[in-house]
C-alpha atoms as a PDB file:
ATOM      1  CA  MET A   1       0.000   0.000   0.000  1.00  0.00           C
ATOM      2  CA  SER A   2       1.345   3.399  -0.915  1.00  0.00           C
ATOM      3  CA  TYR A   3       1.635   6.190   1.603  1.00  0.00           C
ATOM      4  CA  ALA A   4      -1.019   8.178  -0.293  1.00  0.00           C
ATOM      5  CA  ALA A   5      -3.447   5.245  -0.163  1.00  0.00           C
ATOM      6  CA  PHE A   6      -2.828   4.911   3.571  1.00  0.00           C
ATOM      7  CA  LEU A   7      -3.564   8.612   4.033  1.00  0.00           C
ATOM      8  CA  ALA A   8      -6.730   8.398   1.956  1.00  0.00           C
ATOM      9  CA  ILE A   9      -8.121   5.360   3.785  1.00  0.00           C
ATOM     10  CA  PHE A  10      -7.147   6.027   7.382  1.00  0.00           C
ATOM     11  CA  LEU A  11      -7.195   9.822   7.559  1.00  0.00           C
ATOM     12  CA  GLY A  12      -8.987  11.208   4.505  1.00  0.00           C
ATOM     13  CA  LEU A  13     -12.035   8.962   4.666  1.00  0.00           C
ATOM     14  CA  PRO A  14     -12.767   9.425   8.393  1.00  0.00           C
ATOM     15  CA  LEU A  15     -12.182  13.164   8.044  1.00  0.00           C
ATOM     16  CA  ALA A  16     -14.530  13.378   5.063  1.00  0.00           C
ATOM     17  CA  LEU A  17     -17.230  11.434   6.940  1.00  0.00           C
ATOM     18  CA  LEU A  18     -16.925  13.702   9.958  1.00  0.00           C
ATOM     19  CA  LEU A  19     -17.091  16.810   7.799  1.00  0.00           C
ATOM     20  CA  VAL A  20     -20.235  15.529   6.071  1.00  0.00           C
ATOM     21  CA  CYS A  21     -21.872  14.719   9.416  1.00  0.00           C
ATOM     22  CA  LEU A  22     -20.953  18.100  10.868  1.00  0.00           C
ATOM     23  CA  ARG A  23     -21.577  20.209   7.763  1.00  0.00           C
ATOM     24  CA  GLN A  24     -24.213  22.375   9.479  1.00  0.00           C
ATOM     25  CA  ARG A  25     -22.016  23.095  12.484  1.00  0.00           C
ATOM     26  CA  LEU A  26     -18.839  23.754  10.523  1.00  0.00           C
ATOM     27  CA  ARG A  27     -19.884  27.216   9.483  1.00  0.00           C
ATOM     28  CA  ASP A  28     -18.231  28.581  12.609  1.00  0.00           C
ATOM     29  CA  GLY A  29     -15.046  30.305  11.466  1.00  0.00           C
ATOM     30  CA  ARG A  30     -13.409  29.790  14.862  1.00  0.00           C
ATOM     31  CA  LEU A  31     -13.053  26.075  14.196  1.00  0.00           C
ATOM     32  CA  TRP A  32     -11.226  26.679  10.924  1.00  0.00           C
ATOM     33  CA  LYS A  33      -8.941  29.260  12.536  1.00  0.00           C
ATOM     34  CA  LEU A  34      -8.130  26.869  15.357  1.00  0.00           C
ATOM     35  CA  MET A  35      -7.501  24.067  12.886  1.00  0.00           C
ATOM     36  CA  GLY A  36      -5.162  26.285  10.851  1.00  0.00           C
ATOM     37  CA  LEU A  37      -3.269  27.421  13.938  1.00  0.00           C
ATOM     38  CA  LEU A  38      -2.840  23.874  15.219  1.00  0.00           C
ATOM     39  CA  ALA A  39      -1.752  22.679  11.776  1.00  0.00           C
ATOM     40  CA  ILE A  40       0.987  25.335  11.740  1.00  0.00           C
ATOM     41  CA  VAL A  41       2.084  24.310  15.231  1.00  0.00           C
ATOM     42  CA  ALA A  42       2.086  20.629  14.240  1.00  0.00           C
ATOM     43  CA  LEU A  43       4.164  21.320  11.124  1.00  0.00           C
ATOM     44  CA  ALA A  44       6.550  23.501  13.109  1.00  0.00           C
ATOM     45  CA  TYR A  45       7.381  20.705  15.535  1.00  0.00           C
ATOM     46  CA  MET A  46       7.129  17.841  13.014  1.00  0.00           C
ATOM     47  CA  ALA A  47       9.313  19.130  10.189  1.00  0.00           C
ATOM     48  CA  PRO A  48      12.583  19.671  12.091  1.00  0.00           C
ATOM     49  CA  TRP A  49      12.262  16.345  13.875  1.00  0.00           C
ATOM     50  CA  ASP A  50      11.468  14.409  10.691  1.00  0.00           C
ATOM     51  CA  HIS A  51      14.235  16.213   8.824  1.00  0.00           C
ATOM     52  CA  LEU A  52      16.856  15.281  11.407  1.00  0.00           C
ATOM     53  CA  ALA A  53      15.588  11.716  11.625  1.00  0.00           C
ATOM     54  CA  ALA A  54      15.738  11.391   7.827  1.00  0.00           C
ATOM     55  CA  VAL A  55      19.197  12.961   7.543  1.00  0.00           C
ATOM     56  CA  TRP A  56      20.572  10.768  10.332  1.00  0.00           C
ATOM     57  CA  GLY A  57      19.059   7.680   8.695  1.00  0.00           C
ATOM     58  CA  LEU A  58      16.671   6.937  11.546  1.00  0.00           C
ATOM     59  CA  TRP A  59      13.617   7.234   9.308  1.00  0.00           C
ATOM     60  CA  THR A  60      13.287   6.299   5.693  1.00  0.00           C
ATOM     61  CA  TRP A  61      10.466   6.193   3.218  1.00  0.00           C
ATOM     62  CA  ALA A  62      10.365   3.651   0.411  1.00  0.00           C
ATOM     63  CA  PRO A  63      10.715   5.576  -2.861  1.00  0.00           C
ATOM     64  CA  ARG A  64       8.183   3.340  -4.618  1.00  0.00           C
ATOM     65  CA  GLN A  65       5.620   3.997  -1.879  1.00  0.00           C
ATOM     66  CA  THR A  66       5.762   7.793  -2.103  1.00  0.00           C
ATOM     67  CA  TRP A  67       5.248  10.389  -4.807  1.00  0.00           C
ATOM     68  CA  GLN A  68       9.008  11.060  -4.696  1.00  0.00           C
ATOM     69  CA  VAL A  69       8.449  14.766  -4.047  1.00  0.00           C
ATOM     70  CA  SER A  70      10.444  15.870  -1.031  1.00  0.00           C
ATOM     71  CA  PHE A  71      10.983  19.099   0.826  1.00  0.00           C
ATOM     72  CA  TRP A  72      13.779  19.280   3.375  1.00  0.00           C
ATOM     73  CA  ALA A  73      14.405  15.502   3.070  1.00  0.00           C
ATOM     74  CA  ILE A  74      10.773  14.741   3.930  1.00  0.00           C
ATOM     75  CA  PRO A  75       8.283  13.332   1.396  1.00  0.00           C
ATOM     76  CA  LEU A  76       5.187  15.368   0.650  1.00  0.00           C
ATOM     77  CA  GLU A  77       3.010  12.591   2.072  1.00  0.00           C
ATOM     78  CA  GLU A  78       4.603  13.055   5.504  1.00  0.00           C
ATOM     79  CA  TYR A  79       3.534  16.700   5.520  1.00  0.00           C
ATOM     80  CA  LEU A  80       0.051  15.633   4.415  1.00  0.00           C
ATOM     81  CA  PHE A  81      -0.022  13.094   7.231  1.00  0.00           C
ATOM     82  CA  CYS A  82       0.749  15.824   9.745  1.00  0.00           C
ATOM     83  CA  LEU A  83      -1.917  18.120   8.328  1.00  0.00           C
ATOM     84  CA  LEU A  84      -4.603  15.446   7.963  1.00  0.00           C
ATOM     85  CA  GLU A  85      -4.078  13.985  11.420  1.00  0.00           C
ATOM     86  CA  THR A  86      -4.312  17.462  12.919  1.00  0.00           C
ATOM     87  CA  MET A  87      -7.504  18.180  10.992  1.00  0.00           C
ATOM     88  CA  LEU A  88      -8.978  14.830  12.002  1.00  0.00           C
ATOM     89  CA  ALA A  89      -8.112  15.300  15.676  1.00  0.00           C
ATOM     90  CA  VAL A  90      -9.561  18.830  15.799  1.00  0.00           C
ATOM     91  CA  THR A  91     -12.720  17.817  13.930  1.00  0.00           C
ATOM     92  CA  LEU A  92     -13.230  14.726  16.088  1.00  0.00           C
ATOM     93  CA  MET A  93     -12.764  16.755  19.264  1.00  0.00           C
ATOM     94  CA  TYR A  94     -15.215  19.348  17.942  1.00  0.00           C
ATOM     95  CA  ALA A  95     -17.750  16.594  17.197  1.00  0.00           C
ATOM     96  CA  LEU A  96     -17.380  15.123  20.672  1.00  0.00           C
ATOM     97  CA  LEU A  97     -17.693  18.505  22.382  1.00  0.00           C
ATOM     98  CA  ALA A  98     -20.684  19.455  20.243  1.00  0.00           C
ATOM     99  CA  SER A  99     -22.358  16.150  21.090  1.00  0.00           C
ATOM    100  CA  HIS A 100     -21.664  16.651  24.788  1.00  0.00           C
ATOM    101  CA  ARG A 101     -22.960  20.232  24.661  1.00  0.00           C
ATOM    102  CA  ALA A 102     -26.135  19.102  22.915  1.00  0.00           C
ATOM    103  CA  ARG A 103     -26.827  16.576  25.675  1.00  0.00           C
ATOM    104  CA  LEU A 104     -26.347  19.030  28.545  1.00  0.00           C
ATOM    105  CA  PRO A 105     -29.867  20.547  28.376  1.00  0.00           C
ATOM    106  CA  GLU A 106     -31.377  17.046  28.305  1.00  0.00           C
ATOM    107  CA  GLN A 107     -29.423  16.034  31.410  1.00  0.00           C
ATOM    108  CA  GLN A 108     -30.381  19.226  33.240  1.00  0.00           C
ATOM    109  CA  GLU A 109     -34.063  18.592  32.552  1.00  0.00           C
ATOM    110  CA  ARG A 110     -33.844  15.068  34.016  1.00  0.00           C
ATOM    111  CA  GLU A 111     -32.040  16.069  37.183  1.00  0.00           C
ATOM    112  CA  PRO A 112     -34.301  16.763  40.169  1.00  0.00           C
ATOM    113  CA  ARG A 113     -34.169  20.332  41.377  1.00  0.00           C
ATOM    114  CA  ALA A 114     -33.359  20.961  45.017  1.00  0.00           C
END
């Protein structure tokens, strides 16, 4: 399996499903700003580490399994992995928090008042 296929199946597909399920709630610009900020942070800590690991020979990527486009000794797919996993984590957390927030009024109605 190529790196791109792995990304599509295990990150792209779940992310796409979440985005479809949350399409009404995703109009909030704050989520997209947060996602962009966290993606920049993730790239900022990932790229130097991956670069050093690749240069030192600790990490390698099979040339036939990647698109063979590299920046700073790191294949493009590795950058996509970092971005997609960040987007998936933020979107999943948003979905969980939105679900929890939606249930709060129901729980308050069921609780006996003192």
